[in-house]
Amino acid sequence: MDISNLRAVLTCCLLSAACILSAQDKVKFTGYLQPQFQYGEQYSTLKVGTENHEKDKSFNRIGIRRGRFNLIYTETYGSLAVQIDATERGVLLKNAILTMKDIWWKTSYLSAGVFEPPFGKEVDYSSAKRESPESSLLFQTLFPEERDLGALIRLRPAESSPLHFLFLDAAVVAGNGAKMETDSRKDVILHLYYSRQAGSLFLIEGGLSYYNGGVYQGTSKVFRMDKSTNGFVMDDAAVNLGRFAKREYKGIDVQVYMLNDAWKRQIRAELIAGTQPGSIGSSVSHNASTLPTHDTYLRPFLGGYAIFVQRIAATPFSAVAKYEWYDPNTAVAGDELGLKGTTATDVRRNTLGMGMLWEPGEHFRLQSYFEFNRNEQSANLAGYETDRKDNVLTVRLQYRF
């Protein structure tokens, strides 16, 4: 039996067991399915189907974006949660979390396993609730798969405390996404969070996040930006091989929710800056079961997003507008791109997304969303002399149970 058949059998067994166990009070079985259609201009990157093989034409794809199934077992002192993602691309483990509850204050807990990193708001915001089809490019770059392996503790004062509105999440993670750990170094994540209702109409939340970690340097060559020349300068020394490049993020997030039933609305925003290790061709965080073997490029980055969601009166319709940007290298701009070692990896990208949601009941959602993607332009970077054609339309149906 090959590995794909084995995965299918295991998935069927898990789903069957979940259906049987869900009748018990301690076990809960939930999930959601997201079939979707996407249309993209010629240089677009879609989330379903294969890439565009004809770069002079627009294209479209249909597929299952997510097929999530969660099995949660809860008892007095803790819980166990396992989530898989089953689509035409295969079956993947998404979450596997063991949680021990605080039995004194009943407000804190300790978790270990594969989970969403506690950095900011969007990385921990369920894709079943997300009003845009995907998280921002910024988060897709910094936290690929939006998962990591490690341990997390949440501290929150007791309900009787005047500081009950504060949370502190602290995590120690492998820093390698959901892949097997490949080195002995651990990364640290902190998120100090505030949540408090203001009167009867508003809920205000926000937080400060910090990530401190490192990425294995696979060669002796490390490239850093030189502010005096606005270009990369190479440090080639034998001692660089096997050291860890600095990976550091600082973030701030804020959310405002209007609780009026007839005109519910919300505004969420985040801003993140820091230093990101990558390669000449990518600024995506390392996410593989092997150590990096490429030269290391250190880039100062800045990015963020703001999203506005407005329920239309008492109807099941909501309007969505989102602006996001990611500048992978704040030390260069415009016609400096393409010179002194910089490449398309250093190009800033901005996206304005606009969409509608139709939610006729608790379980169904129909989502239509169009992304106007814009990129930084440079006369010295081939393919980026003008704005690339890469706008995307997504139409998604979701059922959640």
Protein backbone atom coordinates (compact mmCIF):
# COMPACT_ATOMS: atom_id res chain seq x y z
CA MET A 1 0.00 0.00 0.00
CA ASP A 2 1.50 3.34 -1.03
CA ILE A 3 1.56 6.38 1.25
CA SER A 4 -1.37 8.14 -0.47
CA ASN A 5 -3.64 5.10 0.01
CA LEU A 6 -2.50 4.74 3.61
CA ARG A 7 -3.39 8.37 4.29
CA ALA A 8 -6.83 7.86 2.76
CA VAL A 9 -7.49 4.78 4.91
CA LEU A 10 -6.33 6.56 8.06
CA THR A 11 -8.52 9.54 7.24
CA CYS A 12 -11.59 7.31 6.81
CA CYS A 13 -10.83 5.58 10.10
CA LEU A 14 -10.44 8.90 11.88
CA LEU A 15 -13.68 10.29 10.48
CA SER A 16 -15.58 7.10 11.33
CA ALA A 17 -14.23 7.08 14.87
CA ALA A 18 -15.07 10.76 15.24
CA CYS A 19 -18.68 10.21 14.17
CA ILE A 20 -19.08 7.38 16.70
CA LEU A 21 -17.38 9.26 19.52
CA SER A 22 -19.20 12.52 18.86
CA ALA A 23 -22.26 11.03 20.51
CA GLN A 24 -20.40 11.13 23.80
CA ASP A 25 -20.52 14.26 25.93
CA LYS A 26 -16.74 14.66 26.09
CA VAL A 27 -16.12 14.46 22.35
CA LYS A 28 -16.92 17.08 19.74
CA PHE A 29 -16.56 16.70 15.99
CA THR A 30 -16.51 19.87 13.87
CA GLY A 31 -15.24 20.98 10.49
CA TYR A 32 -15.79 22.94 7.32
CA LEU A 33 -15.44 22.53 3.56
CA GLN A 34 -14.49 25.30 1.13
CA PRO A 35 -14.98 24.53 -2.60
CA GLN A 36 -13.93 27.55 -4.63
CA PHE A 37 -13.49 29.00 -8.11
CA GLN A 38 -10.68 31.44 -8.89
CA TYR A 39 -9.95 33.60 -11.91
CA GLY A 40 -6.56 35.23 -12.21
CA GLU A 41 -4.74 37.49 -14.62
CA GLN A 42 -1.68 36.06 -16.32
CA TYR A 43 0.87 36.50 -13.48
CA SER A 44 -1.49 35.55 -10.66
CA THR A 45 -0.83 32.91 -8.03
CA LEU A 46 -4.02 31.00 -7.22
CA LYS A 47 -4.66 28.81 -4.18
CA VAL A 48 -6.34 25.93 -6.03
CA GLY A 49 -5.26 24.03 -9.12
CA THR A 50 -1.95 24.22 -10.94
CA GLU A 51 -0.01 27.34 -11.92
CA ASN A 52 -0.60 29.21 -15.16
CA HIS A 53 1.43 27.64 -17.96
CA GLU A 54 0.55 30.34 -20.52
CA LYS A 55 1.90 33.64 -19.18
CA ASP A 56 0.29 35.61 -22.01
CA LYS A 57 -3.25 34.62 -20.95
CA SER A 58 -5.52 34.85 -17.94
CA PHE A 59 -6.63 31.55 -16.41
CA ASN A 60 -9.06 29.98 -13.94
CA ARG A 61 -9.09 27.02 -11.57
CA ILE A 62 -11.57 25.16 -9.37
CA GLY A 63 -10.75 23.12 -6.30
CA ILE A 64 -11.20 22.46 -2.59
CA ARG A 65 -9.33 25.19 -0.74
CA ARG A 66 -9.81 23.60 2.66
CA GLY A 67 -11.44 20.47 4.00
CA ARG A 68 -10.91 20.73 7.74
CA PHE A 69 -12.05 18.12 10.25
CA ASN A 70 -11.55 18.59 13.98
CA LEU A 71 -11.80 16.01 16.73
CA ILE A 72 -11.82 17.55 20.22
CA TYR A 73 -11.87 15.59 23.47
CA THR A 74 -12.49 17.64 26.61
CA GLU A 75 -12.50 16.66 30.28
CA THR A 76 -12.02 18.31 33.66
CA TYR A 77 -8.27 18.90 33.54
CA GLY A 78 -7.64 19.46 29.86
CA SER A 79 -8.38 18.70 26.23
CA LEU A 80 -6.96 17.08 23.13
CA ALA A 81 -7.61 18.49 19.65
CA VAL A 82 -6.57 17.06 16.29
CA GLN A 83 -7.31 18.74 12.95
CA ILE A 84 -6.67 17.38 9.46
CA ASP A 85 -7.03 19.01 6.06
CA ALA A 86 -8.40 16.71 3.34
CA THR A 87 -8.48 18.03 -0.25
CA GLU A 88 -7.64 16.82 -3.76
CA ARG A 89 -4.02 17.70 -2.95
CA GLY A 90 -3.87 15.11 -0.19
CA VAL A 91 -4.34 14.80 3.57
CA LEU A 92 -2.28 16.94 5.96
CA LEU A 93 -2.09 17.31 9.72
CA LYS A 94 -2.93 20.92 10.66
CA ASN A 95 -3.30 20.92 14.45
CA ALA A 96 -2.43 18.46 17.22
CA ILE A 97 -2.79 20.18 20.58
CA LEU A 98 -2.73 18.84 24.12
CA THR A 99 -3.97 21.41 26.66
CA MET A 100 -3.80 21.34 30.46
CA LYS A 101 -6.26 23.68 32.15
CA ASP A 102 -5.66 25.93 35.13
CA ILE A 103 -7.76 24.34 37.89
CA TRP A 104 -7.41 27.27 40.30
CA TRP A 105 -8.26 30.49 38.46
CA LYS A 106 -9.79 28.59 35.50
CA THR A 107 -8.51 31.31 33.15
CA SER A 108 -5.03 30.08 32.14
CA TYR A 109 -3.69 27.00 30.40
CA LEU A 110 -0.63 25.21 29.03
CA SER A 111 -0.61 23.72 25.52
CA ALA A 112 1.87 21.66 23.53
CA GLY A 113 1.91 20.28 19.99
CA VAL A 114 1.27 21.85 16.60
CA PHE A 115 -0.70 25.11 16.88
CA GLU A 116 -1.10 28.65 15.53
CA PRO A 117 1.76 30.91 16.72
CA PRO A 118 0.44 33.52 19.21
CA PHE A 119 1.63 36.51 17.19
CA GLY A 120 -0.92 39.24 16.48
CA LYS A 121 -4.51 38.58 15.45
CA GLU A 122 -4.68 37.33 11.87
CA VAL A 123 -2.44 34.28 12.19
CA ASP A 124 -4.78 32.94 14.88
CA TYR A 125 -8.01 33.99 13.11
CA SER A 126 -9.87 30.93 11.86
CA SER A 127 -10.02 30.53 8.08
CA ALA A 128 -13.68 29.53 8.56
CA LYS A 129 -14.45 33.04 9.86
CA ARG A 130 -11.97 35.05 7.79
CA GLU A 131 -13.73 37.68 5.64
CA SER A 132 -10.97 37.71 3.01
CA PRO A 133 -10.19 34.39 1.29
CA GLU A 134 -6.64 34.26 2.69
CA SER A 135 -4.55 35.87 5.38
CA SER A 136 -2.37 38.79 4.30
CA LEU A 137 0.73 38.15 2.19
CA LEU A 138 2.72 39.44 5.16
CA PHE A 139 1.53 36.58 7.38
CA GLN A 140 1.80 34.00 4.61
CA THR A 141 5.46 35.03 4.32
CA LEU A 142 6.39 35.20 8.00
CA PHE A 143 4.30 32.20 9.13
CA PRO A 144 3.85 29.73 6.26
CA GLU A 145 1.12 27.19 7.06
CA GLU A 146 0.25 29.46 10.03
CA ARG A 147 1.37 26.67 12.34
CA ASP A 148 4.40 25.79 14.45
CA LEU A 149 5.57 23.03 16.75
CA GLY A 150 6.22 23.80 20.41
CA ALA A 151 4.61 24.73 23.73
CA LEU A 152 2.47 27.69 24.77
CA ILE A 153 1.28 29.09 28.06
CA ARG A 154 -1.56 31.59 28.43
CA LEU A 155 -1.71 33.62 31.63
CA ARG A 156 -4.82 35.57 32.57
CA PRO A 157 -5.86 36.93 35.98
CA ALA A 158 -8.91 35.46 37.69
CA GLU A 159 -12.36 36.85 36.88
CA SER A 160 -12.39 38.66 40.22
CA SER A 161 -9.20 40.57 39.35
CA PRO A 162 -9.40 44.15 37.97
CA LEU A 163 -6.83 43.00 35.37
CA HIS A 164 -8.98 40.17 34.03
CA PHE A 165 -9.09 41.93 30.64
CA LEU A 166 -5.37 41.22 30.07
CA PHE A 167 -3.85 38.08 28.51
CA LEU A 168 -0.22 37.07 28.11
CA ASP A 169 0.65 34.34 25.61
CA ALA A 170 4.21 33.02 25.69
CA ALA A 171 5.40 30.28 23.33
CA VAL A 172 8.59 28.38 22.64
CA VAL A 173 8.53 26.96 19.10
CA ALA A 174 10.77 25.12 16.66
CA GLY A 175 10.44 27.99 14.17
CA ASN A 176 10.06 25.60 11.26
CA GLY A 177 6.33 25.72 10.58
CA ALA A 178 4.58 22.38 11.03
CA LYS A 179 7.58 20.48 9.67
CA MET A 180 9.95 18.28 11.67
CA GLU A 181 12.47 20.23 13.72
CA THR A 182 15.94 20.30 12.17
CA ASP A 183 18.11 22.09 14.76
CA SER A 184 18.46 22.49 18.54
CA ARG A 185 17.60 26.19 18.66
CA LYS A 186 14.16 27.38 19.78
CA ASP A 187 12.31 30.61 18.99
CA VAL A 188 10.31 32.66 21.51
CA ILE A 189 6.99 34.43 20.88
CA LEU A 190 5.24 36.86 23.25
CA HIS A 191 1.82 38.44 22.83
CA LEU A 192 0.37 40.79 25.46
CA TYR A 193 -3.31 41.18 24.67
CA TYR A 194 -6.18 43.41 25.83
CA SER A 195 -9.92 42.68 25.49
CA ARG A 196 -12.61 44.82 27.09
CA GLN A 197 -16.15 45.87 26.30
CA ALA A 198 -16.80 49.60 26.18
CA GLY A 199 -20.43 50.12 27.14
CA SER A 200 -23.03 47.93 25.46
CA LEU A 201 -22.10 48.73 21.85
CA PHE A 202 -18.35 48.26 21.47
CA LEU A 203 -15.74 45.59 22.12
CA ILE A 204 -12.17 46.85 21.91
CA GLU A 205 -9.18 44.54 21.67
CA GLY A 206 -5.51 44.94 20.87
CA GLY A 207 -2.04 43.71 21.62
CA LEU A 208 1.72 43.90 21.30
CA SER A 209 3.70 40.99 19.85
CA TYR A 210 7.36 40.05 19.77
CA TYR A 211 9.17 37.22 17.96
CA ASN A 212 12.82 36.39 18.62
CA GLY A 213 14.38 33.53 16.72
CA GLY A 214 17.04 32.42 14.30
CA VAL A 215 17.48 30.59 10.99
CA TYR A 216 20.35 28.21 10.29
CA GLN A 217 22.93 29.63 7.88
CA GLY A 218 23.59 26.97 5.25
CA THR A 219 26.73 28.51 3.73
CA SER A 220 29.56 30.82 4.68
CA LYS A 221 27.97 33.73 2.75
CA VAL A 222 25.65 36.18 4.51
CA PHE A 223 24.31 39.23 2.68
CA ARG A 224 23.20 42.32 4.62
CA MET A 225 21.82 45.65 3.44
CA ASP A 226 24.25 48.59 3.51
CA LYS A 227 22.38 51.84 4.19
CA SER A 228 25.13 53.93 2.60
CA THR A 229 24.88 52.15 -0.76
CA ASN A 230 21.30 50.81 -0.63
CA GLY A 231 22.55 47.43 -1.71
CA PHE A 232 23.58 44.04 -0.35
CA VAL A 233 27.08 43.57 1.03
CA MET A 234 28.47 40.05 1.34
CA ASP A 235 30.10 38.73 4.49
CA ASP A 236 31.96 35.57 3.47
CA ALA A 237 33.56 33.87 6.48
CA ALA A 238 33.92 30.20 7.39
CA VAL A 239 32.44 30.87 10.86
CA ASN A 240 29.12 31.91 9.29
CA LEU A 241 28.31 28.33 8.31
CA GLY A 242 26.19 26.75 11.04
CA ARG A 243 25.43 30.00 12.86
CA PHE A 244 21.91 31.38 13.12
CA ALA A 245 20.72 34.47 11.28
CA LYS A 246 18.60 36.92 13.26
CA ARG A 247 14.82 36.52 12.87
CA GLU A 248 13.01 39.24 14.79
CA TYR A 249 9.49 40.68 14.49
CA LYS A 250 7.70 43.44 16.42
CA GLY A 251 3.97 43.90 15.96
CA ILE A 252 0.96 45.85 17.13
CA ASP A 253 -2.69 44.92 16.50
CA VAL A 254 -6.05 46.51 17.26
CA GLN A 255 -9.66 45.43 16.76
CA VAL A 256 -12.89 47.37 17.25
CA TYR A 257 -16.26 45.59 17.09
CA MET A 258 -19.65 47.31 17.01
CA LEU A 259 -22.17 44.96 18.64
CA ASN A 260 -25.41 46.44 17.28
CA ASP A 261 -27.36 43.51 15.78
CA ALA A 262 -28.79 45.48 12.87
CA TRP A 263 -25.54 47.14 11.75
CA LYS A 264 -22.72 44.99 13.05
CA ARG A 265 -19.32 46.22 11.95
CA GLN A 266 -15.70 45.64 12.77
CA ILE A 267 -12.30 47.15 12.05
CA ARG A 268 -9.10 45.16 12.49
CA ALA A 269 -5.56 46.32 11.77
CA GLU A 270 -1.98 45.17 12.32
CA LEU A 271 1.50 46.56 11.71
CA ILE A 272 4.67 44.45 11.80
CA ALA A 273 8.33 45.39 11.33
CA GLY A 274 11.52 43.44 11.77
CA THR A 275 14.37 41.47 10.23
CA GLN A 276 13.67 38.49 8.00
CA PRO A 277 16.29 35.92 6.89
CA GLY A 278 15.75 34.45 3.44
CA SER A 279 17.44 33.62 0.17
CA ILE A 280 18.11 35.63 -2.97
CA GLY A 281 14.85 34.33 -4.42
CA SER A 282 12.51 34.31 -1.44
CA SER A 283 11.75 36.05 1.86
CA VAL A 284 9.41 33.29 3.08
CA SER A 285 10.36 31.84 6.46
CA HIS A 286 12.15 28.49 6.27
CA ASN A 287 9.55 25.71 6.22
CA ALA A 288 11.15 22.37 5.38
CA SER A 289 12.31 19.19 7.09
CA THR A 290 15.90 19.84 6.02
CA LEU A 291 18.39 22.54 6.97
CA PRO A 292 18.81 25.47 4.54
CA THR A 293 21.65 25.10 2.04
CA HIS A 294 21.39 28.52 0.34
CA ASP A 295 23.23 31.77 1.03
CA THR A 296 21.51 33.89 3.69
CA TYR A 297 19.98 37.29 2.86
CA LEU A 298 18.92 39.53 5.75
CA ARG A 299 16.21 42.07 4.93
CA PRO A 300 14.54 44.79 7.04
CA PHE A 301 10.79 44.53 6.35
CA LEU A 302 7.55 46.37 7.10
CA GLY A 303 3.97 45.34 6.46
CA GLY A 304 0.43 45.37 7.69
CA TYR A 305 -3.25 45.40 6.88
CA ALA A 306 -6.55 47.04 7.75
CA ILE A 307 -9.92 45.38 7.20
CA PHE A 308 -13.44 46.78 7.49
CA VAL A 309 -16.51 44.51 7.66
CA GLN A 310 -20.03 45.95 7.59
CA ARG A 311 -23.26 43.99 8.04
CA ILE A 312 -25.91 45.48 5.76
CA ALA A 313 -28.86 46.29 8.04
CA ALA A 314 -30.56 43.13 9.28
CA THR A 315 -29.86 41.19 6.07
CA PRO A 316 -27.55 38.17 5.76
CA PHE A 317 -25.17 40.25 3.61
CA SER A 318 -21.91 41.89 4.66
CA ALA A 319 -19.54 44.14 2.72
CA VAL A 320 -15.78 43.71 3.12
CA ALA A 321 -12.87 46.02 2.28
CA LYS A 322 -9.25 45.23 3.05
CA TYR A 323 -5.97 46.97 2.32
CA GLU A 324 -2.68 45.18 2.91
CA TRP A 325 0.95 45.71 2.03
CA TYR A 326 4.26 43.95 2.44
CA ASP A 327 7.62 45.60 1.82
CA PRO A 328 10.23 42.82 2.16
CA ASN A 329 13.13 45.28 1.97
CA THR A 330 12.55 48.79 3.29
CA ALA A 331 16.15 49.81 2.47
CA VAL A 332 15.45 50.04 -1.28
CA ALA A 333 12.67 51.52 -3.39
CA GLY A 334 11.77 52.33 -6.98
CA ASP A 335 14.61 52.26 -9.50
CA GLU A 336 17.05 51.03 -6.85
CA LEU A 337 15.43 47.62 -7.28
CA GLY A 338 17.41 45.35 -9.58
CA LEU A 339 20.74 46.92 -8.62
CA LYS A 340 23.46 45.90 -6.13
CA GLY A 341 22.16 42.40 -5.55
CA THR A 342 18.46 43.22 -5.17
CA THR A 343 15.89 41.14 -7.07
CA ALA A 344 12.14 40.66 -7.43
CA THR A 345 12.18 39.29 -3.87
CA ASP A 346 12.72 42.87 -2.63
CA VAL A 347 9.67 44.34 -4.43
CA ARG A 348 6.91 45.88 -2.31
CA ARG A 349 3.37 44.62 -2.93
CA ASN A 350 0.05 46.28 -2.10
CA THR A 351 -3.43 44.76 -2.34
CA LEU A 352 -6.87 46.32 -2.17
CA GLY A 353 -9.53 43.66 -1.69
CA MET A 354 -13.28 44.17 -1.91
CA GLY A 355 -15.97 41.56 -1.44
CA MET A 356 -19.37 40.45 -0.27
CA LEU A 357 -20.49 37.73 2.13
CA TRP A 358 -23.87 36.00 2.12
CA GLU A 359 -24.55 34.02 5.30
CA PRO A 360 -28.17 32.80 5.22
CA GLY A 361 -27.73 30.67 8.33
CA GLU A 362 -25.31 29.29 10.85
CA HIS A 363 -23.72 26.77 8.49
CA PHE A 364 -23.58 28.25 4.98
CA ARG A 365 -21.51 31.09 3.57
CA LEU A 366 -21.05 32.33 0.00
CA GLN A 367 -18.06 34.61 -0.52
CA SER A 368 -17.12 36.74 -3.52
CA TYR A 369 -13.89 38.72 -3.33
CA PHE A 370 -11.74 40.63 -5.84
CA GLU A 371 -8.11 41.56 -5.23
CA PHE A 372 -6.46 44.51 -6.97
CA ASN A 373 -2.77 43.63 -6.67
CA ARG A 374 -0.10 46.26 -7.28
CA ASN A 375 3.68 45.96 -7.19
CA GLU A 376 6.55 48.40 -6.86
CA GLN A 377 8.06 49.33 -10.22
CA SER A 378 11.66 49.74 -11.33
CA ALA A 379 13.30 50.55 -14.66
CA ASN A 380 16.21 48.32 -13.60
CA LEU A 381 14.30 45.13 -12.82
CA ALA A 382 13.13 43.01 -15.72
CA GLY A 383 9.42 42.25 -15.59
CA TYR A 384 8.72 45.03 -13.10
CA GLU A 385 9.07 48.08 -15.31
CA THR A 386 5.28 48.40 -15.06
CA ASP A 387 2.61 46.94 -12.82
CA ARG A 388 2.20 43.21 -13.41
CA LYS A 389 -1.19 41.80 -14.32
CA ASP A 390 -2.04 39.64 -11.31
CA ASN A 391 -5.51 40.60 -10.07
CA VAL A 392 -7.58 37.71 -8.66
CA LEU A 393 -11.29 36.92 -8.28
CA THR A 394 -12.35 34.30 -5.72
CA VAL A 395 -15.82 32.80 -5.36
CA ARG A 396 -16.11 30.37 -2.46
CA LEU A 397 -18.90 28.31 -0.94
CA GLN A 398 -18.46 27.15 2.63
CA TYR A 399 -20.32 24.70 4.81
CA ARG A 400 -19.43 24.59 8.49
CA PHE A 401 -20.67 22.15 11.10
